[in-house]
Amino acid sequence: MGVPVFRPVRAKLLAGLLHRGAKPTLFVLALLPFLALAWGAFTGRLGANPAETLIRETGDWTLRFLCITLAITPVRVVLGLPPLVRLRRMAGLFTYFYGGLHLLTYAWFDMGFDAAEIVRDIAKRPFILVGFLSFLILTPLAATSFNRAVKSLGARRWQALHKSVYLIPGLALLHFFWMRAGKNDFNEVAAYAAILTVLLGWRFARWWRAPRNPSAPMRPTLSP
């Protein structure tokens, strides 16, 4: 059940997570960064280079939501908050949403939606290739994150597909590292690396200690 939590606080957290307004609240909160960026673009408050700001901020929010999504299971287990799992799928889908916006702003502002130029840029610049691969891997996970997909694919194939989610943090972090390398700015890279190392390390330690049971289902971070 995880470490003991002060009972009144835990009871309130459980009640809040079970409330029917928990998911709509998360949806609104997760949408706020997009609304802030849209409002900033509309009012001209994104600085001297709005295009760069949009590309950078959508990429940053993709990483943040990836961390939030990966943090849900450890927090749920450690604090003993089972209903928290209800919010994991939405957090994962917002990771995909901001990743899609990041790709869209790059294709629009940097490439002018020139498909041939985008292909050449992906082949020429490794950090673009790695970021694009992250999005490609994330796409089928987001598309099959619904209950109907589990029935359609079958549990075994669905689980095998969703294990690829663990490739995304490394690729996303490498994309971020190479992007910041040009400016010799690694402070945020180190922070995200530390967070993702802890979140993935916790999973590995838990898997290592768990009794081996091949038939036991694995619940990936984008699962229902």
Protein backbone atom coordinates (compact mmCIF):
# COMPACT_ATOMS: atom_id res chain seq x y z
CA MET A 1 0.00 0.00 0.00
CA GLY A 2 3.04 2.28 0.09
CA VAL A 3 4.34 4.48 2.90
CA PRO A 4 1.76 5.70 5.42
CA VAL A 5 0.26 9.08 4.63
CA PHE A 6 -1.45 11.33 7.15
CA ARG A 7 -4.92 9.79 7.15
CA PRO A 8 -7.11 12.90 6.72
CA VAL A 9 -4.91 14.14 3.85
CA ARG A 10 -4.93 10.73 2.17
CA ALA A 11 -8.69 10.44 2.62
CA LYS A 12 -9.18 13.81 0.93
CA LEU A 13 -6.85 12.84 -1.90
CA LEU A 14 -8.72 9.58 -2.45
CA ALA A 15 -12.07 11.36 -2.39
CA GLY A 16 -10.81 13.94 -4.88
CA LEU A 17 -9.43 11.31 -7.23
CA LEU A 18 -12.69 9.36 -7.12
CA HIS A 19 -14.81 12.46 -7.70
CA ARG A 20 -16.43 12.65 -11.12
CA GLY A 21 -14.82 16.05 -11.60
CA ALA A 22 -11.26 14.70 -11.32
CA LYS A 23 -10.85 13.95 -15.03
CA PRO A 24 -12.45 17.20 -16.27
CA THR A 25 -10.22 19.12 -13.86
CA LEU A 26 -7.11 17.41 -15.19
CA PHE A 27 -8.27 18.08 -18.76
CA VAL A 28 -8.65 21.81 -18.09
CA LEU A 29 -5.34 22.06 -16.23
CA ALA A 30 -3.50 20.14 -18.97
CA LEU A 31 -4.98 22.41 -21.63
CA LEU A 32 -3.89 25.64 -19.90
CA PRO A 33 -0.34 25.70 -21.39
CA PHE A 34 -1.81 25.42 -24.90
CA LEU A 35 -4.32 28.18 -24.18
CA ALA A 36 -1.57 30.39 -22.76
CA LEU A 37 0.57 29.89 -25.86
CA ALA A 38 -2.38 30.51 -28.17
CA TRP A 39 -3.27 33.69 -26.29
CA GLY A 40 0.37 34.82 -26.34
CA ALA A 41 0.55 34.28 -30.10
CA PHE A 42 -2.75 36.14 -30.63
CA THR A 43 -1.70 39.12 -28.51
CA GLY A 44 1.93 39.21 -29.66
CA ARG A 45 3.40 38.39 -26.24
CA LEU A 46 5.74 35.56 -27.20
CA GLY A 47 8.88 37.66 -27.43
CA ALA A 48 11.03 38.75 -30.34
CA ASN A 49 10.87 35.32 -32.00
CA PRO A 50 7.35 33.90 -31.52
CA ALA A 51 7.99 30.89 -33.77
CA GLU A 52 11.01 29.78 -31.75
CA THR A 53 9.05 30.28 -28.52
CA LEU A 54 6.20 28.10 -29.75
CA ILE A 55 8.52 25.33 -30.92
CA ARG A 56 10.53 25.40 -27.69
CA GLU A 57 7.54 25.62 -25.34
CA THR A 58 5.55 22.84 -26.99
CA GLY A 59 8.64 20.62 -26.79
CA ASP A 60 9.15 21.49 -23.13
CA TRP A 61 5.53 20.68 -22.31
CA THR A 62 5.83 17.36 -24.11
CA LEU A 63 8.71 16.42 -21.81
CA ARG A 64 6.86 17.68 -18.75
CA PHE A 65 3.78 15.62 -19.51
CA LEU A 66 5.95 12.60 -20.23
CA CYS A 67 7.43 12.97 -16.74
CA ILE A 68 3.96 13.45 -15.22
CA THR A 69 2.67 10.34 -16.99
CA LEU A 70 5.60 8.23 -15.86
CA ALA A 71 5.29 9.58 -12.30
CA ILE A 72 1.68 8.47 -11.84
CA THR A 73 2.44 4.80 -11.13
CA PRO A 74 5.25 5.43 -8.59
CA VAL A 75 3.14 8.03 -6.77
CA ARG A 76 0.13 5.72 -6.82
CA VAL A 77 2.11 2.83 -5.33
CA VAL A 78 4.25 4.76 -2.84
CA LEU A 79 1.41 6.89 -1.44
CA GLY A 80 -1.23 4.18 -1.70
CA LEU A 81 -3.57 6.07 -4.06
CA PRO A 82 -5.08 3.44 -6.41
CA PRO A 83 -7.60 5.84 -8.04
CA LEU A 84 -4.70 7.86 -9.43
CA VAL A 85 -4.49 5.29 -12.24
CA ARG A 86 -7.72 6.78 -13.64
CA LEU A 87 -5.76 9.87 -14.72
CA ARG A 88 -2.83 8.09 -16.37
CA ARG A 89 -4.36 7.65 -19.81
CA MET A 90 -5.33 11.32 -20.08
CA ALA A 91 -1.85 12.41 -19.01
CA GLY A 92 -0.36 10.12 -21.66
CA LEU A 93 -2.66 11.48 -24.34
CA PHE A 94 -1.68 15.04 -23.45
CA THR A 95 1.95 13.99 -23.87
CA TYR A 96 1.01 13.00 -27.41
CA PHE A 97 -1.02 16.18 -27.89
CA TYR A 98 1.90 18.46 -27.01
CA GLY A 99 4.27 16.26 -29.00
CA GLY A 100 1.99 16.71 -32.00
CA LEU A 101 1.95 20.48 -31.47
CA HIS A 102 5.74 20.47 -31.25
CA LEU A 103 5.99 18.64 -34.57
CA LEU A 104 3.33 20.88 -36.12
CA THR A 105 5.04 24.12 -35.10
CA TYR A 106 8.38 22.83 -36.42
CA ALA A 107 6.82 21.78 -39.74
CA TRP A 108 4.99 25.09 -40.03
CA PHE A 109 7.43 27.74 -38.83
CA ASP A 110 10.76 26.11 -39.65
CA MET A 111 9.83 24.19 -42.81
CA GLY A 112 6.77 25.99 -44.18
CA PHE A 113 4.99 22.61 -44.53
CA ASP A 114 7.43 21.68 -47.32
CA ALA A 115 7.34 17.86 -47.14
CA ALA A 116 10.49 17.37 -49.22
CA GLU A 117 12.41 19.85 -47.08
CA ILE A 118 11.17 18.17 -43.89
CA VAL A 119 12.40 14.78 -45.13
CA ARG A 120 15.81 16.26 -45.98
CA ASP A 121 16.01 17.95 -42.59
CA ILE A 122 15.16 14.71 -40.76
CA ALA A 123 17.91 12.90 -42.66
CA LYS A 124 20.42 15.71 -42.15
CA ARG A 125 19.98 16.59 -38.48
CA PRO A 126 20.15 13.71 -35.94
CA PHE A 127 18.20 15.52 -33.23
CA ILE A 128 15.27 16.02 -35.62
CA LEU A 129 15.40 12.34 -36.57
CA VAL A 130 15.38 11.24 -32.92
CA GLY A 131 12.48 13.55 -32.09
CA PHE A 132 10.53 12.31 -35.09
CA LEU A 133 11.15 8.68 -34.08
CA SER A 134 9.83 9.46 -30.58
CA PHE A 135 6.63 10.80 -32.07
CA LEU A 136 6.27 7.81 -34.40
CA ILE A 137 6.60 5.39 -31.48
CA LEU A 138 4.15 7.40 -29.41
CA THR A 139 1.50 7.46 -32.15
CA PRO A 140 0.37 3.80 -32.03
CA LEU A 141 0.47 3.90 -28.23
CA ALA A 142 -1.89 6.86 -28.14
CA ALA A 143 -4.10 5.30 -30.82
CA THR A 144 -4.44 2.05 -28.86
CA SER A 145 -4.75 3.52 -25.36
CA PHE A 146 -8.49 2.86 -25.22
CA ASN A 147 -10.32 -0.16 -23.82
CA ARG A 148 -11.64 -1.16 -27.23
CA ALA A 149 -8.08 -1.46 -28.55
CA VAL A 150 -7.22 -4.04 -25.91
CA LYS A 151 -10.10 -6.24 -27.07
CA SER A 152 -9.28 -5.66 -30.73
CA LEU A 153 -5.55 -6.43 -30.48
CA GLY A 154 -5.73 -9.03 -27.74
CA ALA A 155 -4.06 -8.55 -24.38
CA ARG A 156 -0.72 -10.16 -25.32
CA ARG A 157 -0.16 -8.14 -28.51
CA TRP A 158 -1.41 -4.97 -26.83
CA GLN A 159 1.02 -5.42 -23.94
CA ALA A 160 3.91 -6.11 -26.31
CA LEU A 161 3.13 -2.95 -28.28
CA HIS A 162 2.91 -0.78 -25.17
CA LYS A 163 6.25 -1.96 -23.83
CA SER A 164 7.79 0.32 -26.47
CA VAL A 165 6.74 3.27 -24.29
CA TYR A 166 10.02 2.82 -22.41
CA LEU A 167 11.98 3.76 -25.54
CA ILE A 168 10.43 7.22 -25.60
CA PRO A 169 12.11 8.82 -22.54
CA GLY A 170 15.60 8.04 -23.86
CA LEU A 171 14.84 9.27 -27.37
CA ALA A 172 13.06 12.40 -26.10
CA LEU A 173 15.93 13.21 -23.75
CA LEU A 174 18.50 12.70 -26.54
CA HIS A 175 16.48 15.01 -28.79
CA PHE A 176 16.41 17.63 -26.05
CA PHE A 177 20.15 17.21 -25.33
CA TRP A 178 21.17 17.66 -28.96
CA MET A 179 18.87 20.64 -29.33
CA ARG A 180 20.39 22.39 -26.30
CA ALA A 181 23.97 21.37 -27.22
CA GLY A 182 24.09 24.12 -29.86
CA LYS A 183 23.54 26.71 -27.13
CA ASN A 184 25.73 24.91 -24.59
CA ASP A 185 22.79 24.91 -22.16
CA PHE A 186 22.49 21.65 -20.25
CA ASN A 187 20.88 22.65 -16.94
CA GLU A 188 17.35 21.65 -17.95
CA VAL A 189 18.66 18.55 -19.72
CA ALA A 190 20.29 17.42 -16.47
CA ALA A 191 17.08 18.08 -14.52
CA TYR A 192 14.93 16.03 -16.91
CA ALA A 193 17.58 13.30 -17.05
CA ALA A 194 17.53 13.04 -13.25
CA ILE A 195 13.73 12.89 -13.10
CA LEU A 196 13.43 10.27 -15.83
CA THR A 197 16.26 8.22 -14.34
CA VAL A 198 14.45 8.10 -10.99
CA LEU A 199 11.09 7.21 -12.57
CA LEU A 200 12.52 4.48 -14.81
CA GLY A 201 14.90 3.28 -12.10
CA TRP A 202 11.98 2.81 -9.71
CA ARG A 203 10.21 0.68 -12.31
CA PHE A 204 13.31 -1.42 -12.92
CA ALA A 205 13.88 -1.97 -9.20
CA ARG A 206 10.25 -2.98 -8.74
CA TRP A 207 10.42 -5.36 -11.70
CA TRP A 208 13.70 -6.85 -10.40
CA ARG A 209 12.23 -7.54 -6.96
CA ALA A 210 8.92 -8.89 -8.24
CA PRO A 211 8.40 -12.68 -8.54
CA ARG A 212 8.58 -13.80 -12.15
CA ASN A 213 5.12 -14.54 -13.54
CA PRO A 214 4.99 -14.52 -17.36
CA SER A 215 1.17 -14.51 -17.34
CA ALA A 216 0.91 -11.39 -15.17
CA PRO A 217 -0.22 -8.36 -17.22
CA MET A 218 2.02 -5.35 -17.53
CA ARG A 219 0.24 -2.03 -17.33
CA PRO A 220 2.06 0.51 -19.50
CA THR A 221 1.93 4.23 -18.88
CA LEU A 222 -0.53 4.92 -21.69
CA SER A 223 -2.83 2.05 -20.77
CA PRO A 224 -6.48 2.52 -19.82
